[in-house]
Protein backbone atom coordinates (compact mmCIF):
# COMPACT_ATOMS: atom_id res chain seq x y z
CA UNK A 1 35.44 -42.34 258.85
CA UNK A 2 37.09 -40.48 261.57
CA UNK A 3 34.14 -38.14 261.95
CA UNK A 4 30.00 -37.77 262.30
CA UNK A 5 27.48 -35.58 263.13
CA UNK A 6 23.95 -37.13 264.09
CA UNK A 7 21.59 -34.18 263.55
CA UNK A 8 18.40 -35.84 265.87
CA UNK A 9 18.84 -37.90 268.78
CA UNK A 10 15.64 -39.95 268.47
CA UNK A 11 15.58 -43.75 268.93
CA UNK A 12 17.39 -44.14 265.16
CA UNK A 13 20.21 -41.00 265.48
CA UNK A 14 20.82 -42.15 268.29
CA UNK A 15 21.66 -46.16 267.83
CA UNK A 16 23.73 -45.13 264.63
CA UNK A 17 25.53 -42.76 267.09
CA UNK A 18 26.05 -45.24 269.56
CA UNK A 19 27.18 -48.17 266.95
CA UNK A 20 29.64 -45.57 265.08
CA UNK A 21 30.83 -44.11 268.45
CA UNK A 22 31.56 -48.01 269.89
CA UNK A 23 33.30 -48.63 266.58
CA UNK A 24 36.19 -45.63 267.31
CA UNK A 25 34.26 -42.44 265.11
CA UNK A 26 34.17 -39.40 266.84
CA UNK A 27 30.99 -38.39 267.17
CA UNK A 28 28.64 -34.83 267.28
CA UNK A 29 25.38 -35.18 268.70
CA UNK A 30 22.59 -32.06 268.21
CA UNK A 31 19.08 -31.81 268.15
CA UNK A 32 15.93 -29.37 268.58
CA UNK A 33 15.39 -30.54 271.70
CA UNK A 34 18.84 -30.17 273.43
CA UNK A 35 17.62 -32.20 276.75
CA UNK A 36 17.42 -35.05 273.69
CA UNK A 37 21.00 -34.62 273.01
CA UNK A 38 22.31 -34.60 275.92
CA UNK A 39 20.70 -37.78 277.07
CA UNK A 40 21.62 -39.29 273.84
CA UNK A 41 25.59 -37.66 274.94
CA UNK A 42 24.96 -39.27 278.77
CA UNK A 43 23.87 -42.85 277.20
CA UNK A 44 28.04 -42.67 275.13
CA UNK A 45 26.79 -42.03 272.03
CA UNK A 46 28.57 -38.94 271.02
CA UNK A 47 29.44 -34.68 272.21
CA UNK A 48 26.53 -32.82 272.56
CA UNK A 49 27.91 -29.68 270.34
CA UNK A 50 28.81 -28.89 267.36
CA UNK A 51 31.92 -30.00 265.44
CA UNK A 52 33.73 -26.82 265.11
CA UNK A 53 35.22 -28.43 262.14
CA UNK A 54 34.02 -29.79 258.70
CA UNK A 55 33.04 -33.93 259.51
CA UNK A 56 33.19 -36.70 257.13
CA UNK A 57 29.74 -37.53 257.49
CA UNK A 58 26.37 -35.88 258.59
CA UNK A 59 23.60 -37.97 259.16
CA UNK A 60 20.12 -36.42 258.90
CA UNK A 61 17.28 -37.73 261.56
CA UNK A 62 14.74 -36.09 260.98
CA UNK A 63 11.38 -37.01 260.11
CA UNK A 64 11.08 -36.67 256.27
CA UNK A 65 9.24 -33.24 255.84
CA UNK A 66 12.61 -31.37 257.93
CA UNK A 67 14.99 -33.34 255.69
CA UNK A 68 15.40 -30.92 252.77
CA UNK A 69 15.64 -27.90 254.79
CA UNK A 70 17.95 -29.08 257.37
CA UNK A 71 20.20 -30.52 254.44
CA UNK A 72 20.31 -26.97 252.91
CA UNK A 73 20.86 -25.44 256.18
CA UNK A 74 23.97 -27.89 257.01
CA UNK A 75 25.55 -27.77 253.64
CA UNK A 76 25.50 -23.77 253.63
CA UNK A 77 27.79 -23.64 256.62
CA UNK A 78 29.81 -26.03 255.29
CA UNK A 79 29.25 -29.20 257.90
CA UNK A 80 30.53 -32.50 256.74
CA UNK A 81 32.01 -33.85 253.37
CA UNK A 82 29.14 -35.79 252.81
CA UNK A 83 25.65 -36.08 253.88
CA UNK A 84 22.95 -39.01 253.81
CA UNK A 85 19.51 -39.30 256.13
CA UNK A 86 17.64 -42.07 257.99
CA UNK A 87 13.47 -41.05 256.63
CA UNK A 88 11.40 -43.56 256.01
CA UNK A 89 10.20 -41.67 252.40
CA UNK A 90 12.84 -40.63 249.98
CA UNK A 91 11.79 -39.57 247.21
CA UNK A 92 10.66 -36.21 248.49
CA UNK A 93 14.11 -35.62 250.34
CA UNK A 94 16.08 -36.43 247.18
CA UNK A 95 13.60 -33.87 245.55
CA UNK A 96 14.05 -31.43 248.15
CA UNK A 97 18.04 -31.94 248.14
CA UNK A 98 18.22 -31.53 243.77
CA UNK A 99 16.10 -28.51 244.18
CA UNK A 100 17.47 -26.36 247.13
CA UNK A 101 20.79 -27.89 248.64
CA UNK A 102 23.73 -26.27 247.69
CA UNK A 103 25.31 -29.46 246.53
CA UNK A 104 22.84 -32.23 245.90
CA UNK A 105 26.15 -34.25 244.88
CA UNK A 106 27.50 -34.81 248.59
CA UNK A 107 23.84 -36.44 249.34
CA UNK A 108 22.84 -39.88 249.43
CA UNK A 109 19.20 -40.70 250.37
CA UNK A 110 19.25 -43.64 253.58
CA UNK A 111 16.96 -45.79 255.04
CA UNK A 112 17.61 -48.56 257.79
CA UNK A 113 15.42 -50.79 257.74
CA UNK A 114 15.08 -51.46 261.80
CA UNK A 115 12.80 -49.65 264.50
CA UNK A 116 10.96 -50.65 267.71
CA UNK A 117 8.22 -49.18 268.84
CA UNK A 118 9.57 -46.95 271.54
CA UNK A 119 10.93 -43.55 270.43
CA UNK A 120 13.39 -41.06 271.97
CA UNK A 121 17.56 -41.36 272.63
CA UNK A 122 16.12 -43.88 276.07
CA UNK A 123 14.58 -46.64 273.37
CA UNK A 124 18.29 -46.44 271.46
CA UNK A 125 20.37 -49.94 270.63
CA UNK A 126 23.80 -49.99 269.27
CA UNK A 127 23.03 -52.96 267.97
CA UNK A 128 19.23 -52.35 266.04
CA UNK A 129 20.79 -52.39 263.09
CA UNK A 130 22.45 -55.72 262.59
CA UNK A 131 22.55 -57.82 259.97
CA UNK A 132 19.15 -55.64 258.62
CA UNK A 133 19.05 -54.05 255.50
CA UNK A 134 19.76 -50.51 254.96
CA UNK A 135 18.65 -48.84 251.52
CA UNK A 136 20.46 -46.56 250.24
CA UNK A 137 19.16 -44.27 247.15
CA UNK A 138 21.40 -42.07 245.34
CA UNK A 139 20.32 -40.01 242.93
CA UNK A 140 21.63 -38.72 239.39
CA UNK A 141 23.82 -36.36 240.78
CA UNK A 142 25.13 -38.51 243.81
CA UNK A 143 28.91 -38.58 243.82
CA UNK A 144 30.99 -41.78 244.57
CA UNK A 145 32.71 -40.54 246.93
CA UNK A 146 29.17 -39.43 249.64
CA UNK A 147 27.81 -43.09 248.45
CA UNK A 148 31.24 -44.49 249.47
CA UNK A 149 31.02 -42.82 252.82
CA UNK A 150 27.19 -43.56 253.51
CA UNK A 151 28.40 -47.69 252.87
CA UNK A 152 30.88 -47.06 254.94
CA UNK A 153 28.10 -45.78 257.67
CA UNK A 154 26.28 -49.09 257.02
CA UNK A 155 29.33 -51.12 257.38
CA UNK A 156 29.87 -49.17 260.76
CA UNK A 157 26.20 -50.07 261.69
CA UNK A 158 26.71 -54.02 260.85
CA UNK A 159 24.02 -53.99 258.52
CA UNK A 160 22.90 -54.86 254.58
CA UNK A 161 23.25 -52.74 251.87
CA UNK A 162 20.72 -52.61 249.74
CA UNK A 163 20.71 -50.21 246.81
CA UNK A 164 17.32 -48.85 245.16
CA UNK A 165 15.56 -45.87 243.10
CA UNK A 166 14.13 -43.21 245.65
CA UNK A 167 10.38 -43.44 244.08
CA UNK A 168 11.07 -47.49 243.76
CA UNK A 169 11.66 -47.46 247.58
CA UNK A 170 8.58 -45.69 248.56
CA UNK A 171 6.13 -47.95 246.07
CA UNK A 172 7.68 -50.95 248.68
CA UNK A 173 7.35 -49.25 251.93
CA UNK A 174 4.02 -48.12 251.03
CA UNK A 175 3.06 -51.78 251.22
CA UNK A 176 5.18 -53.59 253.85
CA UNK A 177 5.58 -51.03 256.04
CA UNK A 178 3.24 -47.68 255.70
CA UNK A 179 -0.25 -49.40 254.93
CA UNK A 180 0.54 -52.23 257.97
CA UNK A 181 0.66 -49.48 260.37
CA UNK A 182 -2.50 -48.07 259.64
CA UNK A 183 -4.25 -51.56 259.85
CA UNK A 184 -2.07 -51.84 262.87
CA UNK A 185 -4.08 -48.56 264.05
CA UNK A 186 -7.21 -49.28 262.89
CA UNK A 187 -7.35 -52.84 264.68
CA UNK A 188 -5.89 -51.26 267.71
CA UNK A 189 -8.74 -48.24 267.63
CA UNK A 190 -11.42 -50.97 267.93
CA UNK A 191 -10.25 -52.36 271.26
CA UNK A 192 -11.44 -48.93 273.05
CA UNK A 193 -15.12 -49.75 271.47
CA UNK A 194 -15.19 -53.42 271.54
CA UNK A 195 -17.32 -55.59 274.25
CA UNK A 196 -16.15 -55.93 277.80
CA UNK A 197 -13.37 -58.03 278.97
CA UNK A 198 -11.71 -58.04 275.45
CA UNK A 199 -8.06 -57.68 277.49
CA UNK A 200 -9.10 -61.45 278.89
CA UNK A 201 -9.19 -62.82 276.04
CA UNK A 202 -6.45 -61.04 274.00
CA UNK A 203 -3.79 -63.18 272.34
CA UNK A 204 -0.94 -63.60 270.92
CA UNK A 205 -2.19 -63.19 267.21
CA UNK A 206 -3.73 -59.82 268.40
CA UNK A 207 -0.81 -58.68 270.12
CA UNK A 208 1.33 -59.63 266.62
CA UNK A 209 -1.63 -57.57 264.45
CA UNK A 210 -1.15 -54.69 266.57
CA UNK A 211 2.07 -54.40 268.34
CA UNK A 212 3.64 -51.41 265.63
CA UNK A 213 0.60 -49.30 266.79
CA UNK A 214 2.40 -47.86 269.84
CA UNK A 215 4.67 -45.89 267.46
CA UNK A 216 4.94 -41.80 267.66
CA UNK A 217 1.68 -40.46 266.09
CA UNK A 218 3.07 -37.17 265.01
CA UNK A 219 6.43 -38.41 263.28
CA UNK A 220 4.00 -41.25 261.25
CA UNK A 221 1.56 -38.81 260.27
CA UNK A 222 4.67 -36.76 258.69
CA UNK A 223 5.94 -40.34 257.25
CA UNK A 224 2.34 -40.85 256.04
CA UNK A 225 1.90 -37.68 254.28
CA UNK A 226 5.06 -37.42 252.50
CA UNK A 227 4.43 -41.23 251.22
CA UNK A 228 1.06 -40.19 250.63
CA UNK A 229 0.66 -40.62 246.88
CA UNK A 230 1.92 -44.54 247.27
CA UNK A 231 0.05 -45.36 250.58
CA UNK A 232 -3.04 -43.71 248.96
CA UNK A 233 -2.79 -46.85 246.20
CA UNK A 234 -2.18 -49.63 248.48
CA UNK A 235 -5.74 -48.33 250.64
CA UNK A 236 -7.47 -48.15 247.26
CA UNK A 237 -6.70 -51.99 246.76
CA UNK A 238 -7.76 -52.82 249.98
CA UNK A 239 -10.74 -50.98 250.04
CA UNK A 240 -11.67 -52.86 246.59
CA UNK A 241 -10.75 -56.23 249.32
CA UNK A 242 -12.94 -55.16 251.88
CA UNK A 243 -15.75 -53.94 249.23
CA UNK A 244 -15.93 -57.57 248.34
CA UNK A 245 -15.19 -58.99 251.53
CA UNK A 246 -18.07 -57.43 253.70
CA UNK A 247 -20.86 -58.68 251.78
CA UNK A 248 -19.42 -62.04 251.76
CA UNK A 249 -19.18 -62.32 255.82
CA UNK A 250 -22.52 -60.85 255.42
CA UNK A 251 -23.86 -63.63 253.56
CA UNK A 252 -22.64 -66.64 256.02
CA UNK A 253 -24.69 -64.91 258.58
CA UNK A 254 -27.99 -66.34 256.12
CA UNK A 255 -28.63 -69.79 256.57
CA UNK A 256 -28.54 -71.63 253.02
CA UNK A 257 -28.79 -70.50 249.84
CA UNK A 258 -26.39 -69.47 246.69
CA UNK A 259 -25.46 -66.31 248.62
CA UNK A 260 -23.68 -68.18 251.34
CA UNK A 261 -22.00 -70.28 249.27
CA UNK A 262 -20.52 -67.48 246.94
CA UNK A 263 -19.91 -65.47 250.16
CA UNK A 264 -17.36 -68.66 251.35
CA UNK A 265 -15.97 -69.20 248.46
CA UNK A 266 -14.87 -65.05 248.35
CA UNK A 267 -13.81 -65.94 251.91
CA UNK A 268 -11.70 -68.85 251.39
CA UNK A 269 -10.35 -66.75 248.20
CA UNK A 270 -8.92 -63.84 250.33
CA UNK A 271 -7.67 -66.37 252.73
CA UNK A 272 -5.60 -68.38 249.94
CA UNK A 273 -4.60 -64.87 248.28
CA UNK A 274 -3.43 -64.15 251.82
CA UNK A 275 -1.40 -67.26 252.36
CA UNK A 276 -0.17 -66.78 248.55
CA UNK A 277 0.80 -63.28 249.23
CA UNK A 278 2.95 -64.23 252.68
CA UNK A 279 4.97 -66.66 251.00
CA UNK A 280 6.63 -63.26 249.26
CA UNK A 281 8.22 -62.55 252.61
CA UNK A 282 11.42 -64.33 253.56
CA UNK A 283 11.26 -66.88 256.19
CA UNK A 284 14.09 -67.05 258.40
CA UNK A 285 13.80 -71.15 258.63
CA UNK A 286 13.46 -71.36 255.05
CA UNK A 287 15.92 -69.71 253.51
CA UNK A 288 19.27 -67.08 254.12
CA UNK A 289 18.30 -63.67 253.74
CA UNK A 290 20.06 -61.13 252.46
CA UNK A 291 23.54 -61.73 253.18
CA UNK A 292 22.83 -64.53 255.00
CA UNK A 293 24.01 -68.17 255.48
CA UNK A 294 22.40 -71.98 255.97
CA UNK A 295 23.68 -73.93 258.72
CA UNK A 296 22.67 -77.77 258.58
CA UNK A 297 22.90 -79.58 261.47
CA UNK A 298 22.36 -83.68 261.26
CA UNK A 299 20.24 -85.01 263.65
CA UNK A 300 20.01 -88.88 264.61
CA UNK A 301 16.55 -90.06 264.90
CA UNK A 302 16.45 -91.09 268.59
CA UNK A 303 13.94 -89.84 271.09
CA UNK A 304 15.03 -86.78 272.57
CA UNK A 305 17.86 -86.08 270.42
CA UNK A 306 15.77 -83.38 268.20
CA UNK A 307 14.93 -81.75 271.26
CA UNK A 308 19.17 -81.64 272.58
CA UNK A 309 19.86 -79.79 269.46
CA UNK A 310 16.95 -77.33 269.67
CA UNK A 311 18.16 -76.12 273.36
CA UNK A 312 21.65 -76.39 272.63
CA UNK A 313 20.84 -73.90 269.76
CA UNK A 314 18.18 -71.55 271.56
CA UNK A 315 21.21 -71.19 274.67
CA UNK A 316 23.79 -69.74 271.03
CA UNK A 317 20.73 -66.87 270.98
CA UNK A 318 18.85 -68.61 267.97
CA UNK A 319 15.09 -68.54 268.10
CA UNK A 320 14.29 -72.31 267.53
CA UNK A 321 10.94 -71.71 265.90
CA UNK A 322 13.32 -70.40 262.83
CA UNK A 323 14.26 -74.14 261.58
CA UNK A 324 13.24 -75.99 258.83
CA UNK A 325 13.40 -80.26 259.36
CA UNK A 326 13.89 -82.08 256.57
CA UNK A 327 13.21 -85.81 257.05
CA UNK A 328 15.42 -88.44 255.44
CA UNK A 329 14.24 -92.24 255.00
CA UNK A 330 13.13 -93.93 258.18
CA UNK A 331 15.69 -94.45 260.78
CA UNK A 332 18.24 -92.28 258.83
CA UNK A 333 17.62 -89.03 261.37
CA UNK A 334 17.38 -85.62 260.11
CA UNK A 335 18.87 -82.69 258.40
CA UNK A 336 17.84 -79.41 260.74
CA UNK A 337 18.44 -76.20 258.74
CA UNK A 338 18.75 -72.64 260.18
CA UNK A 339 18.74 -69.60 258.05
CA UNK A 340 20.86 -67.21 259.81
CA UNK A 341 22.75 -63.96 259.22
CA UNK A 342 26.21 -64.46 257.49
CA UNK A 343 27.57 -62.80 260.44
CA UNK A 344 26.29 -65.21 262.98
CA UNK A 345 26.39 -68.31 260.98
CA UNK A 346 29.82 -69.01 261.65
CA UNK A 347 29.72 -68.83 265.06
CA UNK A 348 26.49 -70.99 265.39
CA UNK A 349 28.29 -73.50 263.18
CA UNK A 350 31.70 -73.40 265.08
CA UNK A 351 30.20 -73.53 268.18
CA UNK A 352 27.91 -76.57 267.15
CA UNK A 353 31.38 -78.22 265.92
CA UNK A 354 32.57 -77.65 269.55
CA UNK A 355 29.75 -79.33 270.96
CA UNK A 356 29.53 -82.62 269.50
CA UNK A 357 27.07 -81.67 266.01
CA UNK A 358 27.78 -82.71 262.64
CA UNK A 359 27.57 -79.52 260.91
CA UNK A 360 27.37 -78.66 257.54
CA UNK A 361 27.55 -75.20 256.26
CA UNK A 362 26.61 -73.39 252.80
CA UNK A 363 27.06 -69.93 251.13
CA UNK A 364 24.45 -68.89 249.06
CA UNK A 365 26.40 -66.43 246.54
CA UNK A 366 22.98 -65.33 245.00
CA UNK A 367 22.08 -63.20 248.29
CA UNK A 368 25.70 -61.96 249.68
CA UNK A 369 25.48 -58.19 250.05
CA UNK A 370 26.80 -56.32 247.71
CA UNK A 371 30.70 -55.84 247.98
CA UNK A 372 33.16 -53.10 246.52
CA UNK A 373 33.12 -52.91 242.82
CA UNK A 374 30.39 -54.70 242.17
CA UNK A 375 27.67 -52.52 239.60
CA UNK A 376 24.44 -51.28 241.18
CA UNK A 377 21.58 -51.86 238.67
CA UNK A 378 19.81 -48.69 237.49
CA UNK A 379 22.20 -46.01 239.20
CA UNK A 380 24.56 -45.03 235.99
CA UNK A 381 28.05 -44.60 237.01
CA UNK A 382 27.55 -47.29 239.63
């Protein structure tokens, strides 16, 4: 890829432009707000003007409801040889492309699973996508050329490609992203009506539960309406759980009785279900993420030795909480396992080797990112 246009210079669009321009691609920037495009250009993301000729790839970084119109307009004027988008809803843009775009074969849907609570070009980071999954949703008409160009974009941004059908993607992100944002907003909204002194007793748990509520409300409104059917389904399931939980907790306010016992069992059952569900999210210390490796380090069972290793790893930029300690027989020491992205694992292992630690590298071939020539399940011709 030699040239690229980014349409929409917010957080994601500008971050893509920064990442790709840093790899030698000539990037052109456009936005309905010219000041945003100029800001992105001033950050070094590219040139705030039309390319004047057909570029290799156009990245459409606009809200989901606008992707179809922007794609159609860009294809009508021959802006690029291939097109992708970064919207967090995929079925709607795909349907719009198939129905309205002059050449839907040149389009492949995309969604990088990365972001920040801040928005706008000033929040952009070239490393935003490093080692993060990037979903691609080729349609039945997507050409091999467009698909390969999208894969090249993912590689230039140091991300990991994941291929899904658009409907499966939307059903999944309703659970993993869209409804959690609503729940964070609902919880954060309670803080405006709670008792006095809330700020003095707010801990990390509350911050974790409400952090994503700071997102752009207009953008999130667009995202949620674009994925409304899947979001509504998840909310109905949550409503059913709340309909059981509210009377259960209410029963706990009364002393004794069968209702209180039933309420406690219902409450514990919900908490247990939550623990089971949490196990579905890959923990960084429990095993390699997609495209990841495990690095094991042998540690002698001497006072302070484990702390010394964790300090050494922290100096290498690895979160020390993302570790699993495997104990051997008494006196035989420990093995500490770090689940790291593949690009990071080798550097960390080499640095620890140089520091005198006994390191064991391990590749998990089952989770390696898709490589060239591999089939894409469920997509004809791939």
